[in-house]
Amino acid sequence: MEEVVYAEAENDQVFVYTATHRLPTRYTLRELEDLLPPDRFFRCHRGYIVNLRKVREISPFFNGTYNLTVVHAGQPVTIPVARSRVPELKRHFWPEQAS
């Protein structure tokens, strides 16, 4: 679990990414969301779960959304945050500003 950077749904398959590997899983993102500790893993978008400890950058994006940057295989990866998930993102990183 410590090695997981993020999980992504791609077509009908879910992949778990570590710093160096892309691993297929039989779990759905919903099942992974239920299994992973919510204080460390965040369902930021319908297609992504991210390890909050692996986030390197948080950038405001279009229309009140954000992008998260993590690193996989030595390269930055941009992960979207759905507008509906922004308040939860703020609670994780800026609890005093969450609304």
PDB file of N, CA and C in Angstrom:
ATOM      1  N   MET A   1       0.819  -1.190   0.000  1.00  0.00           N
ATOM      2  CA  MET A   1       0.000   0.000   0.000  1.00  0.00           C
ATOM      3  C   MET A   1       0.871   1.266   0.000  1.00  0.00           C
ATOM      4  N   GLU A   2       1.984   1.250   0.691  1.00  0.00           N
ATOM      5  CA  GLU A   2       2.874   2.406   0.723  1.00  0.00           C
ATOM      6  C   GLU A   2       3.414   2.751  -0.660  1.00  0.00           C
ATOM      7  N   GLU A   3       3.548   1.762  -1.526  1.00  0.00           N
ATOM      8  CA  GLU A   3       4.129   1.980  -2.848  1.00  0.00           C
ATOM      9  C   GLU A   3       3.128   2.499  -3.875  1.00  0.00           C
ATOM     10  N   VAL A   4       1.853   2.404  -3.583  1.00  0.00           N
ATOM     11  CA  VAL A   4       0.829   2.836  -4.538  1.00  0.00           C
ATOM     12  C   VAL A   4       0.876   4.359  -4.677  1.00  0.00           C
ATOM     13  N   VAL A   5       0.978   4.823  -5.919  1.00  0.00           N
ATOM     14  CA  VAL A   5       0.945   6.253  -6.204  1.00  0.00           C
ATOM     15  C   VAL A   5      -0.488   6.652  -6.570  1.00  0.00           C
ATOM     16  N   TYR A   6      -1.099   5.891  -7.483  1.00  0.00           N
ATOM     17  CA  TYR A   6      -2.487   6.146  -7.846  1.00  0.00           C
ATOM     18  C   TYR A   6      -3.071   4.922  -8.534  1.00  0.00           C
ATOM     19  N   ALA A   7      -4.397   4.930  -8.674  1.00  0.00           N
ATOM     20  CA  ALA A   7      -5.111   3.898  -9.416  1.00  0.00           C
ATOM     21  C   ALA A   7      -5.960   4.607 -10.464  1.00  0.00           C
ATOM     22  N   GLU A   8      -6.072   3.970 -11.615  1.00  0.00           N
ATOM     23  CA  GLU A   8      -6.792   4.579 -12.733  1.00  0.00           C
ATOM     24  C   GLU A   8      -7.669   3.548 -13.429  1.00  0.00           C
ATOM     25  N   ALA A   9      -8.898   3.953 -13.725  1.00  0.00           N
ATOM     26  CA  ALA A   9      -9.780   3.131 -14.551  1.00  0.00           C
ATOM     27  C   ALA A   9      -9.541   3.521 -15.995  1.00  0.00           C
ATOM     28  N   GLU A  10      -9.250   2.518 -16.804  1.00  0.00           N
ATOM     29  CA  GLU A  10      -8.981   2.742 -18.226  1.00  0.00           C
ATOM     30  C   GLU A  10      -9.771   1.709 -19.007  1.00  0.00           C
ATOM     31  N   ASN A  11     -10.743   2.176 -19.779  1.00  0.00           N
ATOM     32  CA  ASN A  11     -11.688   1.298 -20.461  1.00  0.00           C
ATOM     33  C   ASN A  11     -12.385   0.450 -19.402  1.00  0.00           C
ATOM     34  N   ASP A  12     -12.323  -0.865 -19.476  1.00  0.00           N
ATOM     35  CA  ASP A  12     -12.969  -1.712 -18.475  1.00  0.00           C
ATOM     36  C   ASP A  12     -11.965  -2.339 -17.523  1.00  0.00           C
ATOM     37  N   GLN A  13     -10.791  -1.754 -17.399  1.00  0.00           N
ATOM     38  CA  GLN A  13      -9.715  -2.304 -16.565  1.00  0.00           C
ATOM     39  C   GLN A  13      -9.254  -1.233 -15.572  1.00  0.00           C
ATOM     40  N   VAL A  14      -8.830  -1.686 -14.384  1.00  0.00           N
ATOM     41  CA  VAL A  14      -8.257  -0.783 -13.397  1.00  0.00           C
ATOM     42  C   VAL A  14      -6.788  -1.139 -13.241  1.00  0.00           C
ATOM     43  N   PHE A  15      -5.955  -0.111 -13.263  1.00  0.00           N
ATOM     44  CA  PHE A  15      -4.519  -0.277 -13.080  1.00  0.00           C
ATOM     45  C   PHE A  15      -4.076   0.453 -11.827  1.00  0.00           C
ATOM     46  N   VAL A  16      -3.162  -0.158 -11.104  1.00  0.00           N
ATOM     47  CA  VAL A  16      -2.544   0.469  -9.940  1.00  0.00           C
ATOM     48  C   VAL A  16      -1.127   0.829 -10.353  1.00  0.00           C
ATOM     49  N   TYR A  17      -0.751   2.066 -10.078  1.00  0.00           N
ATOM     50  CA  TYR A  17       0.573   2.567 -10.436  1.00  0.00           C
ATOM     51  C   TYR A  17       1.417   2.749  -9.185  1.00  0.00           C
ATOM     52  N   THR A  18       2.645   2.233  -9.237  1.00  0.00           N
ATOM     53  CA  THR A  18       3.632   2.505  -8.204  1.00  0.00           C
ATOM     54  C   THR A  18       4.626   3.484  -8.836  1.00  0.00           C
ATOM     55  N   ALA A  19       5.709   3.776  -8.144  1.00  0.00           N
ATOM     56  CA  ALA A  19       6.705   4.686  -8.710  1.00  0.00           C
ATOM     57  C   ALA A  19       7.281   4.131 -10.012  1.00  0.00           C
ATOM     58  N   THR A  20       7.314   2.796 -10.150  1.00  0.00           N
ATOM     59  CA  THR A  20       7.978   2.203 -11.316  1.00  0.00           C
ATOM     60  C   THR A  20       7.121   1.225 -12.118  1.00  0.00           C
ATOM     61  N   HIS A  21       5.971   0.807 -11.603  1.00  0.00           N
ATOM     62  CA  HIS A  21       5.185  -0.227 -12.274  1.00  0.00           C
ATOM     63  C   HIS A  21       3.744   0.198 -12.519  1.00  0.00           C
ATOM     64  N   ARG A  22       3.155  -0.437 -13.532  1.00  0.00           N
ATOM     65  CA  ARG A  22       1.727  -0.325 -13.845  1.00  0.00           C
ATOM     66  C   ARG A  22       1.162  -1.731 -13.734  1.00  0.00           C
ATOM     67  N   LEU A  23       0.312  -1.945 -12.744  1.00  0.00           N
ATOM     68  CA  LEU A  23      -0.163  -3.290 -12.440  1.00  0.00           C
ATOM     69  C   LEU A  23      -1.672  -3.401 -12.643  1.00  0.00           C
ATOM     70  N   PRO A  24      -2.129  -4.367 -13.434  1.00  0.00           N
ATOM     71  CA  PRO A  24      -3.572  -4.566 -13.577  1.00  0.00           C
ATOM     72  C   PRO A  24      -4.139  -5.181 -12.298  1.00  0.00           C
ATOM     73  N   THR A  25      -5.391  -4.862 -12.020  1.00  0.00           N
ATOM     74  CA  THR A  25      -6.062  -5.444 -10.863  1.00  0.00           C
ATOM     75  C   THR A  25      -7.462  -5.877 -11.267  1.00  0.00           C
ATOM     76  N   ARG A  26      -8.001  -6.796 -10.523  1.00  0.00           N
ATOM     77  CA  ARG A  26      -9.369  -7.250 -10.786  1.00  0.00           C
ATOM     78  C   ARG A  26     -10.390  -6.420 -10.011  1.00  0.00           C
ATOM     79  N   TYR A  27      -9.895  -5.570  -9.131  1.00  0.00           N
ATOM     80  CA  TYR A  27     -10.790  -4.714  -8.354  1.00  0.00           C
ATOM     81  C   TYR A  27     -11.334  -3.580  -9.213  1.00  0.00           C
ATOM     82  N   THR A  28     -12.520  -3.113  -8.879  1.00  0.00           N
ATOM     83  CA  THR A  28     -13.031  -1.875  -9.457  1.00  0.00           C
ATOM     84  C   THR A  28     -12.482  -0.721  -8.614  1.00  0.00           C
ATOM     85  N   LEU A  29     -12.581   0.486  -9.123  1.00  0.00           N
ATOM     86  CA  LEU A  29     -12.153   1.630  -8.314  1.00  0.00           C
ATOM     87  C   LEU A  29     -13.003   1.740  -7.050  1.00  0.00           C
ATOM     88  N   ARG A  30     -14.263   1.429  -7.158  1.00  0.00           N
ATOM     89  CA  ARG A  30     -15.151   1.470  -5.970  1.00  0.00           C
ATOM     90  C   ARG A  30     -14.666   0.480  -4.914  1.00  0.00           C
ATOM     91  N   GLU A  31     -14.313  -0.720  -5.314  1.00  0.00           N
ATOM     92  CA  GLU A  31     -13.808  -1.719  -4.364  1.00  0.00           C
ATOM     93  C   GLU A  31     -12.488  -1.259  -3.743  1.00  0.00           C
ATOM     94  N   LEU A  32     -11.600  -0.705  -4.561  1.00  0.00           N
ATOM     95  CA  LEU A  32     -10.341  -0.187  -4.017  1.00  0.00           C
ATOM     96  C   LEU A  32     -10.599   0.954  -3.045  1.00  0.00           C
ATOM     97  N   GLU A  33     -11.511   1.827  -3.394  1.00  0.00           N
ATOM     98  CA  GLU A  33     -11.852   2.948  -2.517  1.00  0.00           C
ATOM     99  C   GLU A  33     -12.317   2.443  -1.148  1.00  0.00           C
ATOM    100  N   ASP A  34     -13.088   1.380  -1.141  1.00  0.00           N
ATOM    101  CA  ASP A  34     -13.566   0.808   0.121  1.00  0.00           C
ATOM    102  C   ASP A  34     -12.457   0.118   0.905  1.00  0.00           C
ATOM    103  N   LEU A  35     -11.462  -0.417   0.215  1.00  0.00           N
ATOM    104  CA  LEU A  35     -10.371  -1.143   0.867  1.00  0.00           C
ATOM    105  C   LEU A  35      -9.257  -0.236   1.388  1.00  0.00           C
ATOM    106  N   LEU A  36      -9.004   0.864   0.716  1.00  0.00           N
ATOM    107  CA  LEU A  36      -7.876   1.720   1.060  1.00  0.00           C
ATOM    108  C   LEU A  36      -8.256   2.717   2.164  1.00  0.00           C
ATOM    109  N   PRO A  37      -7.318   3.056   3.048  1.00  0.00           N
ATOM    110  CA  PRO A  37      -7.630   3.993   4.137  1.00  0.00           C
ATOM    111  C   PRO A  37      -7.963   5.390   3.598  1.00  0.00           C
ATOM    112  N   PRO A  38      -9.114   5.946   3.974  1.00  0.00           N
ATOM    113  CA  PRO A  38      -9.553   7.230   3.419  1.00  0.00           C
ATOM    114  C   PRO A  38      -8.718   8.423   3.870  1.00  0.00           C
ATOM    115  N   ASP A  39      -7.931   8.268   4.904  1.00  0.00           N
ATOM    116  CA  ASP A  39      -7.077   9.378   5.317  1.00  0.00           C
ATOM    117  C   ASP A  39      -5.818   9.465   4.459  1.00  0.00           C
ATOM    118  N   ARG A  40      -5.562   8.449   3.636  1.00  0.00           N
ATOM    119  CA  ARG A  40      -4.369   8.422   2.782  1.00  0.00           C
ATOM    120  C   ARG A  40      -4.681   8.335   1.297  1.00  0.00           C
ATOM    121  N   PHE A  41      -5.843   7.814   0.955  1.00  0.00           N
ATOM    122  CA  PHE A  41      -6.217   7.659  -0.449  1.00  0.00           C
ATOM    123  C   PHE A  41      -7.502   8.424  -0.720  1.00  0.00           C
ATOM    124  N   PHE A  42      -7.524   9.139  -1.822  1.00  0.00           N
ATOM    125  CA  PHE A  42      -8.597  10.067  -2.138  1.00  0.00           C
ATOM    126  C   PHE A  42      -9.150   9.779  -3.528  1.00  0.00           C
ATOM    127  N   ARG A  43     -10.448   9.532  -3.590  1.00  0.00           N
ATOM    128  CA  ARG A  43     -11.128   9.364  -4.879  1.00  0.00           C
ATOM    129  C   ARG A  43     -11.384  10.757  -5.432  1.00  0.00           C
ATOM    130  N   CYS A  44     -10.488  11.229  -6.263  1.00  0.00           N
ATOM    131  CA  CYS A  44     -10.526  12.605  -6.734  1.00  0.00           C
ATOM    132  C   CYS A  44     -11.383  12.790  -7.988  1.00  0.00           C
ATOM    133  N   HIS A  45     -11.709  11.688  -8.627  1.00  0.00           N
ATOM    134  CA  HIS A  45     -12.400  11.747  -9.920  1.00  0.00           C
ATOM    135  C   HIS A  45     -13.023  10.376 -10.148  1.00  0.00           C
ATOM    136  N   ARG A  46     -14.001  10.280 -10.996  1.00  0.00           N
ATOM    137  CA  ARG A  46     -14.631   8.969 -11.212  1.00  0.00           C
ATOM    138  C   ARG A  46     -13.647   7.939 -11.756  1.00  0.00           C
ATOM    139  N   GLY A  47     -12.548   8.401 -12.354  1.00  0.00           N
ATOM    140  CA  GLY A  47     -11.576   7.484 -12.934  1.00  0.00           C
ATOM    141  C   GLY A  47     -10.267   7.355 -12.174  1.00  0.00           C
ATOM    142  N   TYR A  48     -10.158   8.006 -10.991  1.00  0.00           N
ATOM    143  CA  TYR A  48      -8.880   8.014 -10.293  1.00  0.00           C
ATOM    144  C   TYR A  48      -9.015   7.957  -8.772  1.00  0.00           C
ATOM    145  N   ILE A  49      -8.076   7.265  -8.161  1.00  0.00           N
ATOM    146  CA  ILE A  49      -7.825   7.331  -6.723  1.00  0.00           C
ATOM    147  C   ILE A  49      -6.348   7.674  -6.587  1.00  0.00           C
ATOM    148  N   VAL A  50      -6.024   8.619  -5.715  1.00  0.00           N
ATOM    149  CA  VAL A  50      -4.635   9.044  -5.565  1.00  0.00           C
ATOM    150  C   VAL A  50      -4.187   8.886  -4.109  1.00  0.00           C
ATOM    151  N   ASN A  51      -2.925   8.508  -3.955  1.00  0.00           N
ATOM    152  CA  ASN A  51      -2.311   8.447  -2.631  1.00  0.00           C
ATOM    153  C   ASN A  51      -1.937   9.878  -2.263  1.00  0.00           C
ATOM    154  N   LEU A  52      -2.575  10.425  -1.240  1.00  0.00           N
ATOM    155  CA  LEU A  52      -2.350  11.814  -0.856  1.00  0.00           C
ATOM    156  C   LEU A  52      -0.905  12.092  -0.484  1.00  0.00           C
ATOM    157  N   ARG A  53      -0.201  11.094   0.002  1.00  0.00           N
ATOM    158  CA  ARG A  53       1.200  11.271   0.391  1.00  0.00           C
ATOM    159  C   ARG A  53       2.135  11.343  -0.814  1.00  0.00           C
ATOM    160  N   LYS A  54       1.634  11.014  -1.988  1.00  0.00           N
ATOM    161  CA  LYS A  54       2.453  11.030  -3.206  1.00  0.00           C
ATOM    162  C   LYS A  54       2.194  12.261  -4.078  1.00  0.00           C
ATOM    163  N   VAL A  55       1.267  13.118  -3.663  1.00  0.00           N
ATOM    164  CA  VAL A  55       0.966  14.323  -4.435  1.00  0.00           C
ATOM    165  C   VAL A  55       2.135  15.291  -4.314  1.00  0.00           C
ATOM    166  N   ARG A  56       2.643  15.739  -5.450  1.00  0.00           N
ATOM    167  CA  ARG A  56       3.783  16.660  -5.479  1.00  0.00           C
ATOM    168  C   ARG A  56       3.355  18.096  -5.748  1.00  0.00           C
ATOM    169  N   GLU A  57       2.203  18.264  -6.404  1.00  0.00           N
ATOM    170  CA  GLU A  57       1.738  19.614  -6.723  1.00  0.00           C
ATOM    171  C   GLU A  57       0.220  19.604  -6.858  1.00  0.00           C
ATOM    172  N   ILE A  58      -0.393  20.699  -6.441  1.00  0.00           N
ATOM    173  CA  ILE A  58      -1.831  20.917  -6.608  1.00  0.00           C
ATOM    174  C   ILE A  58      -1.979  22.219  -7.380  1.00  0.00           C
ATOM    175  N   SER A  59      -2.647  22.153  -8.531  1.00  0.00           N
ATOM    176  CA  SER A  59      -2.769  23.333  -9.395  1.00  0.00           C
ATOM    177  C   SER A  59      -4.228  23.632  -9.675  1.00  0.00           C
ATOM    178  N   PRO A  60      -4.649  24.888  -9.490  1.00  0.00           N
ATOM    179  CA  PRO A  60      -6.007  25.247  -9.908  1.00  0.00           C
ATOM    180  C   PRO A  60      -6.128  25.059 -11.409  1.00  0.00           C
ATOM    181  N   PHE A  61      -7.305  24.635 -11.837  1.00  0.00           N
ATOM    182  CA  PHE A  61      -7.525  24.424 -13.260  1.00  0.00           C
ATOM    183  C   PHE A  61      -8.784  25.171 -13.659  1.00  0.00           C
ATOM    184  N   PHE A  62      -9.435  24.722 -14.675  1.00  0.00           N
ATOM    185  CA  PHE A  62     -10.585  25.373 -15.273  1.00  0.00           C
ATOM    186  C   PHE A  62     -11.862  25.162 -14.454  1.00  0.00           C
ATOM    187  N   ASN A  63     -12.668  26.223 -14.328  1.00  0.00           N
ATOM    188  CA  ASN A  63     -14.028  26.121 -13.799  1.00  0.00           C
ATOM    189  C   ASN A  63     -14.093  25.555 -12.382  1.00  0.00           C
ATOM    190  N   GLY A  64     -13.160  25.949 -11.524  1.00  0.00           N
ATOM    191  CA  GLY A  64     -13.198  25.530 -10.123  1.00  0.00           C
ATOM    192  C   GLY A  64     -12.642  24.150  -9.849  1.00  0.00           C
ATOM    193  N   THR A  65     -12.013  23.541 -10.840  1.00  0.00           N
ATOM    194  CA  THR A  65     -11.412  22.221 -10.626  1.00  0.00           C
ATOM    195  C   THR A  65      -9.920  22.387 -10.330  1.00  0.00           C
ATOM    196  N   TYR A  66      -9.290  21.285 -10.016  1.00  0.00           N
ATOM    197  CA  TYR A  66      -7.857  21.264  -9.741  1.00  0.00           C
ATOM    198  C   TYR A  66      -7.227  20.092 -10.473  1.00  0.00           C
ATOM    199  N   ASN A  67      -5.913  20.156 -10.610  1.00  0.00           N
ATOM    200  CA  ASN A  67      -5.117  19.028 -11.083  1.00  0.00           C
ATOM    201  C   ASN A  67      -4.096  18.691 -10.014  1.00  0.00           C
ATOM    202  N   LEU A  68      -3.865  17.401  -9.831  1.00  0.00           N
ATOM    203  CA  LEU A  68      -2.831  16.920  -8.920  1.00  0.00           C
ATOM    204  C   LEU A  68      -1.686  16.393  -9.760  1.00  0.00           C
ATOM    205  N   THR A  69      -0.466  16.584  -9.300  1.00  0.00           N
ATOM    206  CA  THR A  69       0.691  16.025  -9.985  1.00  0.00           C
ATOM    207  C   THR A  69       1.342  14.998  -9.068  1.00  0.00           C
ATOM    208  N   VAL A  70       1.553  13.810  -9.624  1.00  0.00           N
ATOM    209  CA  VAL A  70       2.281  12.730  -8.949  1.00  0.00           C
ATOM    210  C   VAL A  70       3.389  12.298  -9.895  1.00  0.00           C
ATOM    211  N   VAL A  71       4.243  11.382  -9.440  1.00  0.00           N
ATOM    212  CA  VAL A  71       5.339  10.917 -10.292  1.00  0.00           C
ATOM    213  C   VAL A  71       5.231   9.410 -10.482  1.00  0.00           C
ATOM    214  N   HIS A  72       5.283   8.985 -11.747  1.00  0.00           N
ATOM    215  CA  HIS A  72       5.303   7.568 -12.109  1.00  0.00           C
ATOM    216  C   HIS A  72       6.394   7.389 -13.153  1.00  0.00           C
ATOM    217  N   ALA A  73       7.250   6.402 -12.955  1.00  0.00           N
ATOM    218  CA  ALA A  73       8.345   6.101 -13.881  1.00  0.00           C
ATOM    219  C   ALA A  73       9.213   7.331 -14.137  1.00  0.00           C
ATOM    220  N   GLY A  74       9.408   8.130 -13.093  1.00  0.00           N
ATOM    221  CA  GLY A  74      10.256   9.298 -13.200  1.00  0.00           C
ATOM    222  C   GLY A  74       9.644  10.484 -13.922  1.00  0.00           C
ATOM    223  N   GLN A  75       8.384  10.366 -14.328  1.00  0.00           N
ATOM    224  CA  GLN A  75       7.712  11.427 -15.084  1.00  0.00           C
ATOM    225  C   GLN A  75       6.516  11.962 -14.307  1.00  0.00           C
ATOM    226  N   PRO A  76       6.264  13.257 -14.399  1.00  0.00           N
ATOM    227  CA  PRO A  76       5.071  13.798 -13.748  1.00  0.00           C
ATOM    228  C   PRO A  76       3.810  13.316 -14.462  1.00  0.00           C
ATOM    229  N   VAL A  77       2.803  13.021 -13.673  1.00  0.00           N
ATOM    230  CA  VAL A  77       1.501  12.587 -14.192  1.00  0.00           C
ATOM    231  C   VAL A  77       0.457  13.548 -13.624  1.00  0.00           C
ATOM    232  N   THR A  78      -0.381  14.086 -14.486  1.00  0.00           N
ATOM    233  CA  THR A  78      -1.438  14.998 -14.068  1.00  0.00           C
ATOM    234  C   THR A  78      -2.728  14.212 -13.866  1.00  0.00           C
ATOM    235  N   ILE A  79      -3.324  14.400 -12.701  1.00  0.00           N
ATOM    236  CA  ILE A  79      -4.561  13.704 -12.352  1.00  0.00           C
ATOM    237  C   ILE A  79      -5.627  14.756 -12.059  1.00  0.00           C
ATOM    238  N   PRO A  80      -6.774  14.668 -12.728  1.00  0.00           N
ATOM    239  CA  PRO A  80      -7.818  15.672 -12.502  1.00  0.00           C
ATOM    240  C   PRO A  80      -8.565  15.453 -11.189  1.00  0.00           C
ATOM    241  N   VAL A  81      -9.046  16.561 -10.646  1.00  0.00           N
ATOM    242  CA  VAL A  81      -9.937  16.520  -9.485  1.00  0.00           C
ATOM    243  C   VAL A  81     -11.281  17.053  -9.951  1.00  0.00           C
ATOM    244  N   ALA A  82     -12.311  16.261  -9.810  1.00  0.00           N
ATOM    245  CA  ALA A  82     -13.654  16.684 -10.210  1.00  0.00           C
ATOM    246  C   ALA A  82     -14.115  17.849  -9.327  1.00  0.00           C
ATOM    247  N   ARG A  83     -14.864  18.747  -9.895  1.00  0.00           N
ATOM    248  CA  ARG A  83     -15.359  19.896  -9.139  1.00  0.00           C
ATOM    249  C   ARG A  83     -16.097  19.469  -7.874  1.00  0.00           C
ATOM    250  N   SER A  84     -16.859  18.396  -7.968  1.00  0.00           N
ATOM    251  CA  SER A  84     -17.607  17.922  -6.798  1.00  0.00           C
ATOM    252  C   SER A  84     -16.696  17.395  -5.692  1.00  0.00           C
ATOM    253  N   ARG A  85     -15.444  17.079  -6.013  1.00  0.00           N
ATOM    254  CA  ARG A  85     -14.499  16.530  -5.041  1.00  0.00           C
ATOM    255  C   ARG A  85     -13.569  17.596  -4.454  1.00  0.00           C
ATOM    256  N   VAL A  86     -13.637  18.829  -4.969  1.00  0.00           N
ATOM    257  CA  VAL A  86     -12.755  19.895  -4.494  1.00  0.00           C
ATOM    258  C   VAL A  86     -12.919  20.173  -3.004  1.00  0.00           C
ATOM    259  N   PRO A  87     -14.136  20.253  -2.449  1.00  0.00           N
ATOM    260  CA  PRO A  87     -14.241  20.491  -1.005  1.00  0.00           C
ATOM    261  C   PRO A  87     -13.517  19.420  -0.172  1.00  0.00           C
ATOM    262  N   GLU A  88     -13.606  18.167  -0.599  1.00  0.00           N
ATOM    263  CA  GLU A  88     -12.906  17.093   0.117  1.00  0.00           C
ATOM    264  C   GLU A  88     -11.389  17.241  -0.028  1.00  0.00           C
ATOM    265  N   LEU A  89     -10.926  17.607  -1.209  1.00  0.00           N
ATOM    266  CA  LEU A  89      -9.501  17.867  -1.412  1.00  0.00           C
ATOM    267  C   LEU A  89      -9.025  18.947  -0.445  1.00  0.00           C
ATOM    268  N   LYS A  90      -9.782  20.025  -0.340  1.00  0.00           N
ATOM    269  CA  LYS A  90      -9.419  21.120   0.568  1.00  0.00           C
ATOM    270  C   LYS A  90      -9.405  20.658   2.015  1.00  0.00           C
ATOM    271  N   ARG A  91     -10.332  19.805   2.390  1.00  0.00           N
ATOM    272  CA  ARG A  91     -10.340  19.284   3.769  1.00  0.00           C
ATOM    273  C   ARG A  91      -9.073  18.496   4.072  1.00  0.00           C
ATOM    274  N   HIS A  92      -8.547  17.800   3.069  1.00  0.00           N
ATOM    275  CA  HIS A  92      -7.320  17.029   3.268  1.00  0.00           C
ATOM    276  C   HIS A  92      -6.092  17.927   3.395  1.00  0.00           C
ATOM    277  N   PHE A  93      -5.991  18.925   2.531  1.00  0.00           N
ATOM    278  CA  PHE A  93      -4.769  19.724   2.470  1.00  0.00           C
ATOM    279  C   PHE A  93      -4.850  21.063   3.189  1.00  0.00           C
ATOM    280  N   TRP A  94      -6.028  21.667   3.215  1.00  0.00           N
ATOM    281  CA  TRP A  94      -6.188  22.976   3.863  1.00  0.00           C
ATOM    282  C   TRP A  94      -7.458  22.959   4.723  1.00  0.00           C
ATOM    283  N   PRO A  95      -7.459  22.217   5.817  1.00  0.00           N
ATOM    284  CA  PRO A  95      -8.687  22.074   6.605  1.00  0.00           C
ATOM    285  C   PRO A  95      -9.262  23.411   7.085  1.00  0.00           C
ATOM    286  N   GLU A  96      -8.413  24.395   7.335  1.00  0.00           N
ATOM    287  CA  GLU A  96      -8.894  25.688   7.805  1.00  0.00           C
ATOM    288  C   GLU A  96      -9.613  26.480   6.709  1.00  0.00           C
ATOM    289  N   GLN A  97      -9.406  26.117   5.430  1.00  0.00           N
ATOM    290  CA  GLN A  97     -10.035  26.831   4.319  1.00  0.00           C
ATOM    291  C   GLN A  97     -11.187  26.056   3.697  1.00  0.00           C
ATOM    292  N   ALA A  98     -11.406  24.846   4.127  1.00  0.00           N
ATOM    293  CA  ALA A  98     -12.427  23.993   3.496  1.00  0.00           C
ATOM    294  C   ALA A  98     -13.804  24.616   3.660  1.00  0.00           C
ATOM    295  N   SER A  99     -14.570  24.517   2.577  1.00  0.00           N
ATOM    296  CA  SER A  99     -15.951  25.007   2.634  1.00  0.00           C
ATOM    297  C   SER A  99     -16.845  24.143   1.792  1.00  0.00           C
TER     298      SER A  99
END
